[in-house]
């Protein structure tokens, strides 16, 4: 089975525990206001890569990964390629490697849920604590995301939660309280509130895509506190 790979990061230090090989997969169903990788959106892009090649690349890196490191599948949205991600996850785990899945949780197909179940750790993006806010931020149906949250509660899967915080979007105390309520019952081991930035705006210009996040601004330090 093949994965459609956008790119790799060989010494990732923020996408899960330890040092990690981060595999950025091609394709995403969301169009988030603050996305800084619009080049990952088209599902037909990237490089078609056998699962075995990804495993071999990870094994070559094993001396640098240490005891706590491993492989993280990111994107784009890795659940768009859930069957191949599941195969890769099992192959990597068979070699004793820790596997994390960085996802928006926007797909609730049986294959997507199986890939979530197989991962050692899920890095879950929180787009908004309400269905209306999710639709406004992503342009997508919020129902699958809420189904994924229910599944993660039921399974107790270990989670690192990530949330991009922007002034004019979700930097209020009320929004923070709603996010805390959303996370109740989940096995959350870490929360990272990430400041909005405009580092990817030039990609929109190069691709000729209108940038929907132009009204946003970086948040205050106080707003980032959890």
N, C-alpha and C. Protein backbone atom coordinates (compact mmCIF):
# COMPACT_ATOMS: atom_id res chain seq x y z
N UNK A 1 0.85 -1.20 0.00
CA UNK A 1 0.00 0.00 0.00
C UNK A 1 0.88 1.25 0.00
N UNK A 2 0.41 2.30 -0.63
CA UNK A 2 1.18 3.53 -0.75
C UNK A 2 0.57 4.67 0.07
N UNK A 3 1.45 5.56 0.49
CA UNK A 3 1.07 6.81 1.11
C UNK A 3 1.42 7.94 0.15
N UNK A 4 0.57 8.95 0.09
CA UNK A 4 0.89 10.13 -0.71
C UNK A 4 1.52 11.16 0.22
N UNK A 5 2.86 11.31 0.12
CA UNK A 5 3.65 12.10 1.06
C UNK A 5 3.91 13.49 0.50
N UNK A 6 3.63 14.49 1.31
CA UNK A 6 3.95 15.87 0.93
C UNK A 6 5.41 16.17 1.21
N UNK A 7 5.89 15.85 2.42
CA UNK A 7 7.27 16.16 2.81
C UNK A 7 7.58 15.46 4.12
N UNK A 8 8.85 15.57 4.55
CA UNK A 8 9.30 15.00 5.81
C UNK A 8 10.00 16.07 6.64
N UNK A 9 9.95 15.90 7.95
CA UNK A 9 10.82 16.64 8.86
C UNK A 9 11.59 15.60 9.66
N UNK A 10 12.91 15.62 9.54
CA UNK A 10 13.72 14.52 10.08
C UNK A 10 13.98 14.60 11.57
N UNK A 11 13.96 15.78 12.15
CA UNK A 11 14.27 15.90 13.58
C UNK A 11 13.22 16.76 14.27
N UNK A 12 11.96 16.36 14.11
CA UNK A 12 10.87 17.10 14.73
C UNK A 12 10.93 16.99 16.25
N UNK A 13 10.76 18.13 16.92
CA UNK A 13 10.86 18.15 18.39
C UNK A 13 9.58 18.63 19.05
N UNK A 14 8.53 18.91 18.29
CA UNK A 14 7.29 19.44 18.88
C UNK A 14 6.06 18.63 18.48
N UNK A 15 6.25 17.58 17.70
CA UNK A 15 5.12 16.81 17.17
C UNK A 15 5.00 15.45 17.85
N UNK A 16 5.09 15.48 19.19
CA UNK A 16 5.05 14.25 19.97
C UNK A 16 6.27 14.17 20.85
N UNK A 17 6.36 13.14 21.69
CA UNK A 17 7.49 13.04 22.62
C UNK A 17 8.81 12.74 21.92
N UNK A 18 9.88 13.30 22.47
CA UNK A 18 11.22 13.02 21.96
C UNK A 18 11.47 13.58 20.57
N UNK A 19 12.50 13.05 19.92
CA UNK A 19 12.84 13.42 18.54
C UNK A 19 12.06 12.51 17.60
N UNK A 20 11.50 13.11 16.52
CA UNK A 20 10.59 12.34 15.69
C UNK A 20 10.84 12.58 14.19
N UNK A 21 10.58 11.53 13.44
CA UNK A 21 10.42 11.68 11.99
C UNK A 21 8.96 12.08 11.76
N UNK A 22 8.75 13.26 11.20
CA UNK A 22 7.39 13.72 10.92
C UNK A 22 7.12 13.53 9.44
N UNK A 23 6.06 12.77 9.15
CA UNK A 23 5.67 12.49 7.77
C UNK A 23 4.42 13.32 7.47
N UNK A 24 4.58 14.35 6.65
CA UNK A 24 3.46 15.21 6.27
C UNK A 24 2.77 14.60 5.05
N UNK A 25 1.52 14.23 5.22
CA UNK A 25 0.78 13.58 4.14
C UNK A 25 -0.04 14.60 3.35
N UNK A 26 -0.28 14.25 2.10
CA UNK A 26 -0.95 15.16 1.18
C UNK A 26 -2.46 15.00 1.29
N UNK A 27 -3.17 16.13 1.19
CA UNK A 27 -4.62 16.12 1.14
C UNK A 27 -5.26 16.55 2.44
N UNK A 28 -6.25 17.45 2.36
CA UNK A 28 -6.99 17.87 3.53
C UNK A 28 -8.40 18.30 3.13
N UNK A 29 -9.44 17.85 3.87
CA UNK A 29 -10.81 18.24 3.53
C UNK A 29 -11.22 19.59 4.10
N UNK A 30 -10.39 20.17 4.98
CA UNK A 30 -10.72 21.43 5.63
C UNK A 30 -10.06 22.60 4.90
N UNK A 31 -10.60 23.78 5.13
CA UNK A 31 -10.02 25.01 4.60
C UNK A 31 -10.00 26.04 5.73
N UNK A 32 -9.12 25.79 6.70
CA UNK A 32 -9.12 26.58 7.93
C UNK A 32 -8.66 28.01 7.68
N UNK A 33 -9.27 28.94 8.42
CA UNK A 33 -8.94 30.35 8.30
C UNK A 33 -7.45 30.60 8.40
N UNK A 34 -6.78 29.89 9.33
CA UNK A 34 -5.39 30.17 9.68
C UNK A 34 -4.41 29.13 9.15
N UNK A 35 -4.84 28.27 8.22
CA UNK A 35 -3.94 27.23 7.70
C UNK A 35 -2.69 27.86 7.08
N UNK A 36 -1.53 27.31 7.43
CA UNK A 36 -0.29 27.84 6.86
C UNK A 36 0.32 26.87 5.84
N UNK A 37 -0.43 25.80 5.49
CA UNK A 37 0.06 24.85 4.49
C UNK A 37 -0.98 24.56 3.42
N UNK A 38 -1.46 25.59 2.70
CA UNK A 38 -2.47 25.33 1.67
C UNK A 38 -1.96 24.43 0.55
N UNK A 39 -0.64 24.31 0.43
CA UNK A 39 -0.06 23.44 -0.58
C UNK A 39 -0.34 21.96 -0.29
N UNK A 40 -0.78 21.64 0.94
CA UNK A 40 -1.11 20.25 1.26
C UNK A 40 -2.57 19.91 0.95
N UNK A 41 -3.39 20.87 0.57
CA UNK A 41 -4.82 20.62 0.40
C UNK A 41 -5.16 19.61 -0.69
N UNK A 42 -4.63 19.74 -1.92
CA UNK A 42 -5.07 18.83 -3.00
C UNK A 42 -4.67 17.38 -2.72
N UNK A 43 -5.64 16.49 -2.77
CA UNK A 43 -5.36 15.08 -2.48
C UNK A 43 -4.48 14.44 -3.53
N UNK A 44 -4.47 15.00 -4.74
CA UNK A 44 -3.71 14.38 -5.82
C UNK A 44 -2.24 14.82 -5.84
N UNK A 45 -1.83 15.70 -4.94
CA UNK A 45 -0.44 16.16 -4.92
C UNK A 45 0.47 15.21 -4.20
N UNK A 46 1.67 15.68 -3.90
CA UNK A 46 2.62 14.88 -3.15
C UNK A 46 3.29 13.79 -3.96
N UNK A 47 4.00 12.90 -3.26
CA UNK A 47 4.74 11.81 -3.89
C UNK A 47 4.20 10.48 -3.40
N UNK A 48 3.78 9.63 -4.31
CA UNK A 48 3.28 8.31 -3.94
C UNK A 48 4.43 7.46 -3.45
N UNK A 49 4.33 7.02 -2.20
CA UNK A 49 5.45 6.37 -1.51
C UNK A 49 4.98 5.08 -0.86
N UNK A 50 5.64 3.95 -1.14
CA UNK A 50 5.26 2.70 -0.48
C UNK A 50 5.42 2.80 1.04
N UNK A 51 4.52 2.17 1.76
CA UNK A 51 4.61 2.15 3.22
C UNK A 51 5.97 1.65 3.66
N UNK A 52 6.48 0.64 2.97
CA UNK A 52 7.78 0.08 3.33
C UNK A 52 8.91 1.09 3.27
N UNK A 53 8.83 2.05 2.34
CA UNK A 53 9.86 3.07 2.23
C UNK A 53 9.82 4.01 3.42
N UNK A 54 8.61 4.35 3.89
CA UNK A 54 8.49 5.19 5.09
C UNK A 54 9.07 4.45 6.30
N UNK A 55 8.79 3.16 6.41
CA UNK A 55 9.33 2.37 7.52
C UNK A 55 10.85 2.32 7.44
N UNK A 56 11.40 2.10 6.26
CA UNK A 56 12.87 2.06 6.11
C UNK A 56 13.50 3.40 6.48
N UNK A 57 12.86 4.49 6.09
CA UNK A 57 13.39 5.82 6.45
C UNK A 57 13.40 5.99 7.97
N UNK A 58 12.33 5.54 8.63
CA UNK A 58 12.26 5.65 10.08
C UNK A 58 13.32 4.79 10.76
N UNK A 59 13.55 3.59 10.23
CA UNK A 59 14.55 2.70 10.84
C UNK A 59 15.96 3.26 10.67
N UNK A 60 16.22 3.96 9.58
CA UNK A 60 17.52 4.60 9.41
C UNK A 60 17.74 5.70 10.45
N UNK A 61 16.64 6.28 10.91
CA UNK A 61 16.73 7.35 11.91
C UNK A 61 16.73 6.84 13.34
N UNK A 62 16.50 5.54 13.54
CA UNK A 62 16.33 5.01 14.89
C UNK A 62 17.43 5.45 15.87
N UNK A 63 18.71 5.49 15.48
CA UNK A 63 19.74 5.90 16.44
C UNK A 63 19.54 7.31 17.01
N UNK A 64 18.81 8.16 16.27
CA UNK A 64 18.61 9.54 16.70
C UNK A 64 17.30 9.73 17.47
N UNK A 65 16.42 8.76 17.42
CA UNK A 65 15.10 8.91 18.01
C UNK A 65 15.09 8.66 19.51
N UNK A 66 16.06 7.89 20.00
CA UNK A 66 16.13 7.62 21.44
C UNK A 66 14.96 6.76 21.90
N UNK A 67 14.80 6.66 23.20
CA UNK A 67 13.75 5.79 23.76
C UNK A 67 12.35 6.40 23.64
N UNK A 68 12.27 7.73 23.66
CA UNK A 68 10.95 8.36 23.70
C UNK A 68 10.47 8.86 22.35
N UNK A 69 11.35 8.88 21.34
CA UNK A 69 10.97 9.41 20.03
C UNK A 69 10.22 8.42 19.18
N UNK A 70 10.01 8.77 17.92
CA UNK A 70 9.27 7.89 17.03
C UNK A 70 8.87 8.58 15.75
N UNK A 71 7.72 8.22 15.23
CA UNK A 71 7.21 8.74 13.95
C UNK A 71 5.86 9.40 14.19
N UNK A 72 5.67 10.56 13.58
CA UNK A 72 4.38 11.26 13.63
C UNK A 72 3.85 11.44 12.22
N UNK A 73 2.62 11.00 11.99
CA UNK A 73 1.95 11.27 10.71
C UNK A 73 1.12 12.54 10.87
N UNK A 74 1.42 13.52 10.00
CA UNK A 74 0.76 14.81 10.06
C UNK A 74 0.25 15.14 8.67
N UNK A 75 -0.06 16.40 8.42
CA UNK A 75 -0.58 16.72 7.10
C UNK A 75 -0.56 18.20 6.80
N UNK A 76 -1.50 18.57 5.95
CA UNK A 76 -2.66 17.87 5.48
C UNK A 76 -3.45 17.18 6.60
N UNK A 77 -4.24 16.21 6.20
CA UNK A 77 -5.02 15.42 7.14
C UNK A 77 -4.73 13.94 6.91
N UNK A 78 -3.98 13.32 7.83
CA UNK A 78 -3.59 11.92 7.61
C UNK A 78 -4.76 10.95 7.57
N UNK A 79 -5.90 11.29 8.17
CA UNK A 79 -7.03 10.37 8.15
C UNK A 79 -7.65 10.24 6.76
N UNK A 80 -7.31 11.13 5.82
CA UNK A 80 -7.73 10.95 4.43
C UNK A 80 -7.09 9.70 3.82
N UNK A 81 -5.95 9.28 4.37
CA UNK A 81 -5.25 8.09 3.91
C UNK A 81 -5.23 7.04 5.02
N UNK A 82 -6.37 6.88 5.68
CA UNK A 82 -6.41 6.11 6.92
C UNK A 82 -5.96 4.66 6.76
N UNK A 83 -6.34 4.00 5.67
CA UNK A 83 -5.98 2.60 5.51
C UNK A 83 -4.47 2.43 5.40
N UNK A 84 -3.82 3.29 4.63
CA UNK A 84 -2.37 3.20 4.48
C UNK A 84 -1.67 3.64 5.77
N UNK A 85 -2.23 4.65 6.46
CA UNK A 85 -1.66 5.07 7.74
C UNK A 85 -1.74 3.94 8.76
N UNK A 86 -2.84 3.21 8.77
CA UNK A 86 -2.99 2.08 9.68
C UNK A 86 -1.95 1.01 9.38
N UNK A 87 -1.76 0.70 8.11
CA UNK A 87 -0.74 -0.29 7.74
C UNK A 87 0.64 0.17 8.17
N UNK A 88 0.94 1.44 7.93
CA UNK A 88 2.25 1.98 8.31
C UNK A 88 2.44 1.98 9.82
N UNK A 89 1.38 2.33 10.54
CA UNK A 89 1.45 2.36 12.01
C UNK A 89 1.79 0.98 12.55
N UNK A 90 1.11 -0.03 12.07
CA UNK A 90 1.36 -1.38 12.56
C UNK A 90 2.76 -1.86 12.20
N UNK A 91 3.22 -1.50 11.00
CA UNK A 91 4.57 -1.91 10.58
C UNK A 91 5.64 -1.23 11.44
N UNK A 92 5.44 0.04 11.75
CA UNK A 92 6.39 0.77 12.59
C UNK A 92 6.38 0.24 14.02
N UNK A 93 5.20 -0.02 14.55
CA UNK A 93 5.10 -0.55 15.91
C UNK A 93 5.71 -1.94 16.01
N UNK A 94 5.63 -2.71 14.93
CA UNK A 94 6.26 -4.03 14.92
C UNK A 94 7.78 -3.94 15.04
N UNK A 95 8.31 -2.77 14.67
CA UNK A 95 9.75 -2.51 14.81
C UNK A 95 10.08 -1.81 16.12
N UNK A 96 9.10 -1.68 16.99
CA UNK A 96 9.32 -1.07 18.30
C UNK A 96 9.31 0.45 18.30
N UNK A 97 8.72 1.07 17.27
CA UNK A 97 8.70 2.53 17.16
C UNK A 97 7.35 3.08 17.64
N UNK A 98 7.41 4.18 18.37
CA UNK A 98 6.23 4.89 18.84
C UNK A 98 5.63 5.68 17.67
N UNK A 99 4.29 5.63 17.53
CA UNK A 99 3.63 6.30 16.42
C UNK A 99 2.58 7.28 16.95
N UNK A 100 2.67 8.52 16.50
CA UNK A 100 1.69 9.54 16.83
C UNK A 100 0.95 9.96 15.57
N UNK A 101 -0.29 10.38 15.74
CA UNK A 101 -1.13 10.81 14.62
C UNK A 101 -1.63 12.22 14.90
N UNK A 102 -1.20 13.17 14.08
CA UNK A 102 -1.59 14.58 14.23
C UNK A 102 -2.77 14.85 13.30
N UNK A 103 -3.95 15.08 13.89
CA UNK A 103 -5.17 15.11 13.09
C UNK A 103 -6.12 16.22 13.51
N UNK A 104 -6.94 16.66 12.57
CA UNK A 104 -8.03 17.57 12.85
C UNK A 104 -9.26 16.82 13.35
N UNK A 105 -9.25 15.49 13.25
CA UNK A 105 -10.40 14.70 13.67
C UNK A 105 -11.63 14.90 12.81
N UNK A 106 -11.45 15.32 11.58
CA UNK A 106 -12.59 15.71 10.74
C UNK A 106 -13.18 14.56 9.94
N UNK A 107 -12.68 13.33 10.14
CA UNK A 107 -13.20 12.17 9.42
C UNK A 107 -13.52 11.07 10.42
N UNK A 108 -14.71 10.51 10.32
CA UNK A 108 -15.14 9.48 11.26
C UNK A 108 -15.48 8.17 10.58
N UNK A 109 -14.86 7.89 9.44
CA UNK A 109 -15.08 6.63 8.75
C UNK A 109 -14.53 5.48 9.60
N UNK A 110 -14.98 4.24 9.36
CA UNK A 110 -14.41 3.11 10.09
C UNK A 110 -12.89 3.02 9.97
N UNK A 111 -12.35 3.31 8.79
CA UNK A 111 -10.90 3.26 8.61
C UNK A 111 -10.22 4.35 9.43
N UNK A 112 -10.81 5.54 9.49
CA UNK A 112 -10.24 6.63 10.27
C UNK A 112 -10.21 6.28 11.75
N UNK A 113 -11.31 5.73 12.26
CA UNK A 113 -11.37 5.36 13.67
C UNK A 113 -10.37 4.25 13.99
N UNK A 114 -10.18 3.33 13.06
CA UNK A 114 -9.20 2.26 13.27
C UNK A 114 -7.78 2.83 13.33
N UNK A 115 -7.48 3.82 12.50
CA UNK A 115 -6.16 4.45 12.53
C UNK A 115 -5.94 5.19 13.83
N UNK A 116 -6.97 5.87 14.33
CA UNK A 116 -6.87 6.53 15.63
C UNK A 116 -6.62 5.52 16.74
N UNK A 117 -7.34 4.40 16.70
CA UNK A 117 -7.19 3.39 17.73
C UNK A 117 -5.78 2.80 17.74
N UNK A 118 -5.18 2.65 16.56
CA UNK A 118 -3.87 2.01 16.46
C UNK A 118 -2.73 2.91 16.94
N UNK A 119 -2.88 4.22 16.80
CA UNK A 119 -1.80 5.14 17.18
C UNK A 119 -1.51 5.06 18.68
N UNK A 120 -0.25 5.26 19.04
CA UNK A 120 0.13 5.31 20.45
C UNK A 120 -0.31 6.62 21.09
N UNK A 121 -0.37 7.67 20.29
CA UNK A 121 -0.72 9.00 20.77
C UNK A 121 -1.42 9.74 19.65
N UNK A 122 -2.47 10.49 19.99
CA UNK A 122 -3.15 11.35 19.02
C UNK A 122 -2.91 12.80 19.39
N UNK A 123 -2.42 13.57 18.43
CA UNK A 123 -2.29 15.02 18.58
C UNK A 123 -3.53 15.62 17.92
N UNK A 124 -4.45 16.11 18.74
CA UNK A 124 -5.76 16.53 18.25
C UNK A 124 -5.85 18.04 18.15
N UNK A 125 -6.15 18.53 16.96
CA UNK A 125 -6.38 19.96 16.75
C UNK A 125 -7.79 20.32 17.19
N UNK A 126 -7.91 21.35 18.00
CA UNK A 126 -9.22 21.88 18.38
C UNK A 126 -9.44 23.16 17.57
N UNK A 127 -10.36 23.10 16.64
CA UNK A 127 -10.63 24.26 15.79
C UNK A 127 -11.58 25.24 16.47
N UNK A 128 -12.56 24.70 17.19
CA UNK A 128 -13.54 25.53 17.91
C UNK A 128 -14.28 24.63 18.89
N UNK A 129 -14.75 25.17 20.03
CA UNK A 129 -15.51 24.35 20.97
C UNK A 129 -16.99 24.22 20.63
N UNK A 130 -17.44 24.82 19.54
CA UNK A 130 -18.85 24.72 19.15
C UNK A 130 -18.96 24.27 17.70
N UNK A 131 -20.05 23.56 17.37
CA UNK A 131 -20.24 23.16 15.97
C UNK A 131 -20.30 24.36 15.01
N UNK A 132 -20.95 25.44 15.45
CA UNK A 132 -21.04 26.63 14.59
C UNK A 132 -19.66 27.23 14.35
N UNK A 133 -18.85 27.29 15.41
CA UNK A 133 -17.50 27.82 15.26
C UNK A 133 -16.64 26.93 14.40
N UNK A 134 -16.79 25.61 14.54
CA UNK A 134 -16.02 24.68 13.71
C UNK A 134 -16.30 24.92 12.24
N UNK A 135 -17.59 25.06 11.90
CA UNK A 135 -17.95 25.29 10.51
C UNK A 135 -17.39 26.62 10.00
N UNK A 136 -17.42 27.66 10.85
CA UNK A 136 -16.91 28.97 10.45
C UNK A 136 -15.41 28.95 10.22
N UNK A 137 -14.68 28.22 11.06
CA UNK A 137 -13.22 28.17 10.95
C UNK A 137 -12.78 27.30 9.78
N UNK A 138 -13.44 26.15 9.60
CA UNK A 138 -12.96 25.14 8.66
C UNK A 138 -13.71 25.08 7.34
N UNK A 139 -14.95 25.60 7.32
CA UNK A 139 -15.78 25.47 6.14
C UNK A 139 -16.33 24.07 5.95
N UNK A 140 -16.27 23.22 6.99
CA UNK A 140 -16.66 21.82 6.86
C UNK A 140 -17.77 21.45 7.85
N UNK A 141 -18.41 20.33 7.59
CA UNK A 141 -19.45 19.78 8.46
C UNK A 141 -18.83 19.41 9.81
N UNK A 142 -19.37 19.90 10.93
CA UNK A 142 -18.78 19.59 12.23
C UNK A 142 -19.15 18.21 12.77
N UNK A 143 -20.15 17.53 12.21
CA UNK A 143 -20.64 16.28 12.79
C UNK A 143 -19.56 15.21 12.92
N UNK A 144 -18.72 14.96 11.90
CA UNK A 144 -17.69 13.93 12.06
C UNK A 144 -16.73 14.23 13.22
N UNK A 145 -16.40 15.51 13.42
CA UNK A 145 -15.48 15.87 14.50
C UNK A 145 -16.07 15.50 15.86
N UNK A 146 -17.35 15.80 16.05
CA UNK A 146 -17.98 15.47 17.33
C UNK A 146 -18.10 13.96 17.51
N UNK A 147 -18.27 13.22 16.42
CA UNK A 147 -18.26 11.76 16.51
C UNK A 147 -16.88 11.23 16.91
N UNK A 148 -15.84 11.85 16.37
CA UNK A 148 -14.48 11.46 16.73
C UNK A 148 -14.21 11.75 18.21
N UNK A 149 -14.66 12.91 18.70
CA UNK A 149 -14.49 13.22 20.12
C UNK A 149 -15.16 12.17 20.99
N UNK A 150 -16.37 11.76 20.62
CA UNK A 150 -17.08 10.74 21.39
C UNK A 150 -16.32 9.42 21.37
N UNK A 151 -15.75 9.09 20.23
CA UNK A 151 -14.96 7.85 20.12
C UNK A 151 -13.71 7.92 20.99
N UNK A 152 -13.04 9.05 20.99
CA UNK A 152 -11.83 9.21 21.80
C UNK A 152 -12.14 9.17 23.29
N UNK A 153 -13.30 9.69 23.68
CA UNK A 153 -13.72 9.59 25.08
C UNK A 153 -13.95 8.13 25.46
N UNK A 154 -14.61 7.40 24.57
CA UNK A 154 -14.96 6.01 24.86
C UNK A 154 -13.72 5.12 24.95
N UNK A 155 -12.71 5.41 24.14
CA UNK A 155 -11.52 4.56 24.11
C UNK A 155 -10.44 5.00 25.10
N UNK A 156 -10.51 6.26 25.57
CA UNK A 156 -9.49 6.75 26.49
C UNK A 156 -8.13 6.94 25.84
N UNK A 157 -8.12 7.14 24.54
CA UNK A 157 -6.85 7.31 23.81
C UNK A 157 -6.05 8.50 24.38
N UNK A 158 -4.75 8.33 24.67
CA UNK A 158 -3.93 9.46 25.12
C UNK A 158 -3.88 10.56 24.06
N UNK A 159 -4.09 11.80 24.51
CA UNK A 159 -4.16 12.94 23.59
C UNK A 159 -3.22 14.05 24.01
N UNK A 160 -2.60 14.68 23.01
CA UNK A 160 -2.05 16.03 23.16
C UNK A 160 -2.99 16.93 22.37
N UNK A 161 -3.49 17.95 23.00
CA UNK A 161 -4.43 18.87 22.34
C UNK A 161 -3.69 20.11 21.88
N UNK A 162 -4.00 20.54 20.67
CA UNK A 162 -3.44 21.76 20.12
C UNK A 162 -4.57 22.69 19.68
N UNK A 163 -4.38 23.97 19.95
CA UNK A 163 -5.38 24.95 19.51
C UNK A 163 -4.67 26.23 19.09
N UNK A 164 -4.89 26.63 17.85
CA UNK A 164 -4.39 27.92 17.38
C UNK A 164 -5.29 29.00 17.97
N UNK A 165 -4.67 30.00 18.61
CA UNK A 165 -5.42 31.08 19.24
C UNK A 165 -5.13 32.38 18.49
N UNK A 166 -6.19 33.07 18.10
CA UNK A 166 -6.04 34.32 17.35
C UNK A 166 -6.93 35.39 17.93
N UNK A 167 -6.40 36.59 17.96
CA UNK A 167 -7.21 37.74 18.37
C UNK A 167 -8.29 37.96 17.33
N UNK A 168 -9.51 38.13 17.82
CA UNK A 168 -10.63 38.30 16.91
C UNK A 168 -11.29 37.01 16.51
N UNK A 169 -10.82 35.88 17.08
CA UNK A 169 -11.41 34.59 16.75
C UNK A 169 -11.81 33.82 18.01
N UNK A 170 -10.84 33.54 18.88
CA UNK A 170 -11.11 32.65 20.01
C UNK A 170 -10.24 32.97 21.23
N UNK A 171 -9.93 34.25 21.45
CA UNK A 171 -8.99 34.63 22.51
C UNK A 171 -9.69 35.13 23.78
N UNK A 172 -11.01 34.92 23.87
CA UNK A 172 -11.74 35.43 25.03
C UNK A 172 -11.79 34.40 26.15
N UNK A 173 -11.98 34.83 27.41
CA UNK A 173 -12.16 33.88 28.51
C UNK A 173 -13.33 32.93 28.28
N UNK A 174 -14.40 33.40 27.67
CA UNK A 174 -15.56 32.54 27.41
C UNK A 174 -15.20 31.42 26.44
N UNK A 175 -14.42 31.76 25.43
CA UNK A 175 -14.00 30.75 24.46
C UNK A 175 -13.11 29.71 25.13
N UNK A 176 -12.23 30.17 26.01
CA UNK A 176 -11.35 29.23 26.73
C UNK A 176 -12.16 28.30 27.62
N UNK A 177 -13.16 28.85 28.31
CA UNK A 177 -14.01 28.03 29.18
C UNK A 177 -14.77 26.99 28.36
N UNK A 178 -15.24 27.38 27.19
CA UNK A 178 -15.96 26.45 26.33
C UNK A 178 -15.04 25.34 25.83
N UNK A 179 -13.78 25.68 25.56
CA UNK A 179 -12.81 24.68 25.13
C UNK A 179 -12.53 23.68 26.25
N UNK A 180 -12.39 24.18 27.48
CA UNK A 180 -12.21 23.28 28.62
C UNK A 180 -13.39 22.31 28.74
N UNK A 181 -14.59 22.83 28.56
CA UNK A 181 -15.78 21.98 28.65
C UNK A 181 -15.78 20.92 27.55
N UNK A 182 -15.34 21.31 26.35
CA UNK A 182 -15.28 20.38 25.23
C UNK A 182 -14.35 19.20 25.53
N UNK A 183 -13.28 19.47 26.27
CA UNK A 183 -12.26 18.44 26.52
C UNK A 183 -12.57 17.54 27.71
N UNK A 184 -13.65 17.82 28.42
CA UNK A 184 -14.00 17.01 29.59
C UNK A 184 -14.23 15.55 29.18
N UNK A 185 -13.66 14.64 29.94
CA UNK A 185 -13.83 13.22 29.68
C UNK A 185 -12.82 12.63 28.73
N UNK A 186 -11.99 13.47 28.11
CA UNK A 186 -10.93 12.99 27.22
C UNK A 186 -9.65 12.75 28.02
N UNK A 187 -8.82 11.85 27.55
CA UNK A 187 -7.55 11.53 28.21
C UNK A 187 -6.47 12.50 27.74
N UNK A 188 -6.63 13.76 28.14
CA UNK A 188 -5.72 14.82 27.69
C UNK A 188 -4.48 14.85 28.58
N UNK A 189 -3.33 14.66 27.96
CA UNK A 189 -2.07 14.65 28.69
C UNK A 189 -1.29 15.96 28.55
N UNK A 190 -1.67 16.76 27.57
CA UNK A 190 -0.96 18.02 27.34
C UNK A 190 -1.83 18.92 26.48
N UNK A 191 -1.80 20.22 26.76
CA UNK A 191 -2.51 21.21 25.95
C UNK A 191 -1.52 22.27 25.50
N UNK A 192 -1.45 22.48 24.19
CA UNK A 192 -0.61 23.53 23.61
C UNK A 192 -1.50 24.54 22.91
N UNK A 193 -1.53 25.76 23.43
CA UNK A 193 -2.26 26.85 22.77
C UNK A 193 -1.25 27.65 21.96
N UNK A 194 -1.40 27.63 20.66
CA UNK A 194 -0.39 28.13 19.74
C UNK A 194 -0.81 29.49 19.19
N UNK A 195 0.09 30.47 19.21
CA UNK A 195 -0.28 31.80 18.71
C UNK A 195 -0.43 31.82 17.19
N UNK A 196 -1.48 32.44 16.73
CA UNK A 196 -1.67 32.64 15.30
C UNK A 196 -0.49 33.39 14.70
N UNK A 197 -0.10 32.97 13.48
CA UNK A 197 0.96 33.69 12.76
C UNK A 197 0.62 33.73 11.28
N UNK A 198 1.37 34.52 10.55
CA UNK A 198 1.11 34.71 9.12
C UNK A 198 2.26 34.20 8.25
N UNK A 199 2.99 33.20 8.75
CA UNK A 199 4.18 32.73 8.04
C UNK A 199 3.84 32.04 6.71
N UNK A 200 2.60 31.57 6.57
CA UNK A 200 2.24 30.87 5.34
C UNK A 200 1.49 31.71 4.33
N UNK A 201 1.32 33.00 4.61
CA UNK A 201 0.51 33.84 3.72
C UNK A 201 1.11 33.90 2.30
N UNK A 202 2.42 33.88 2.21
CA UNK A 202 3.05 33.95 0.88
C UNK A 202 2.67 32.75 0.01
N UNK A 203 2.35 31.62 0.64
CA UNK A 203 1.94 30.44 -0.14
C UNK A 203 0.61 30.70 -0.84
N UNK A 204 -0.29 31.38 -0.16
CA UNK A 204 -1.58 31.71 -0.78
C UNK A 204 -1.37 32.59 -2.01
N UNK A 205 -0.48 33.55 -1.86
CA UNK A 205 -0.19 34.44 -2.99
C UNK A 205 0.38 33.66 -4.16
N UNK A 206 1.30 32.74 -3.87
CA UNK A 206 1.92 31.95 -4.93
C UNK A 206 0.93 31.02 -5.61
N UNK A 207 -0.04 30.50 -4.83
CA UNK A 207 -1.02 29.57 -5.37
C UNK A 207 -2.26 30.26 -5.94
N UNK A 208 -2.35 31.59 -5.74
CA UNK A 208 -3.51 32.33 -6.22
C UNK A 208 -4.78 32.02 -5.46
N UNK A 209 -4.65 31.74 -4.15
CA UNK A 209 -5.79 31.40 -3.30
C UNK A 209 -6.06 32.58 -2.36
N UNK A 210 -7.29 33.05 -2.26
CA UNK A 210 -7.60 34.12 -1.29
C UNK A 210 -7.32 33.65 0.13
N UNK A 211 -6.74 34.53 0.95
CA UNK A 211 -6.42 34.19 2.34
C UNK A 211 -7.55 34.66 3.23
N UNK A 212 -8.27 33.71 3.85
CA UNK A 212 -9.45 34.04 4.64
C UNK A 212 -9.11 34.57 6.04
N UNK A 213 -7.86 34.41 6.47
CA UNK A 213 -7.52 34.81 7.82
C UNK A 213 -6.97 36.22 7.95
N UNK A 214 -7.17 37.05 6.95
CA UNK A 214 -6.56 38.39 6.95
C UNK A 214 -7.02 39.25 8.11
N UNK A 215 -8.21 38.98 8.65
CA UNK A 215 -8.72 39.82 9.75
C UNK A 215 -8.14 39.41 11.11
N UNK A 216 -7.44 38.29 11.17
CA UNK A 216 -6.94 37.78 12.44
C UNK A 216 -5.63 38.46 12.83
N UNK A 217 -5.29 38.37 14.12
CA UNK A 217 -4.05 38.94 14.62
C UNK A 217 -3.52 38.03 15.74
N UNK A 218 -2.21 38.07 16.02
CA UNK A 218 -1.67 37.26 17.12
C UNK A 218 -2.32 37.63 18.45
N UNK A 219 -2.47 36.68 19.37
CA UNK A 219 -3.13 36.93 20.64
C UNK A 219 -2.14 37.51 21.65
N UNK A 220 -2.68 37.98 22.76
CA UNK A 220 -1.82 38.41 23.88
C UNK A 220 -1.27 37.18 24.60
N UNK A 221 -0.22 37.36 25.38
CA UNK A 221 0.33 36.26 26.16
C UNK A 221 -0.69 35.74 27.16
N UNK A 222 -1.50 36.66 27.71
CA UNK A 222 -2.51 36.26 28.67
C UNK A 222 -3.55 35.34 28.02
N UNK A 223 -3.88 35.60 26.78
CA UNK A 223 -4.89 34.79 26.10
C UNK A 223 -4.39 33.36 25.85
N UNK A 224 -3.06 33.19 25.73
CA UNK A 224 -2.51 31.88 25.47
C UNK A 224 -2.48 30.99 26.72
N UNK A 225 -2.51 31.59 27.88
CA UNK A 225 -2.43 30.81 29.12
C UNK A 225 -3.60 29.84 29.21
N UNK A 226 -3.33 28.65 29.73
CA UNK A 226 -4.38 27.64 29.84
C UNK A 226 -4.89 27.55 31.27
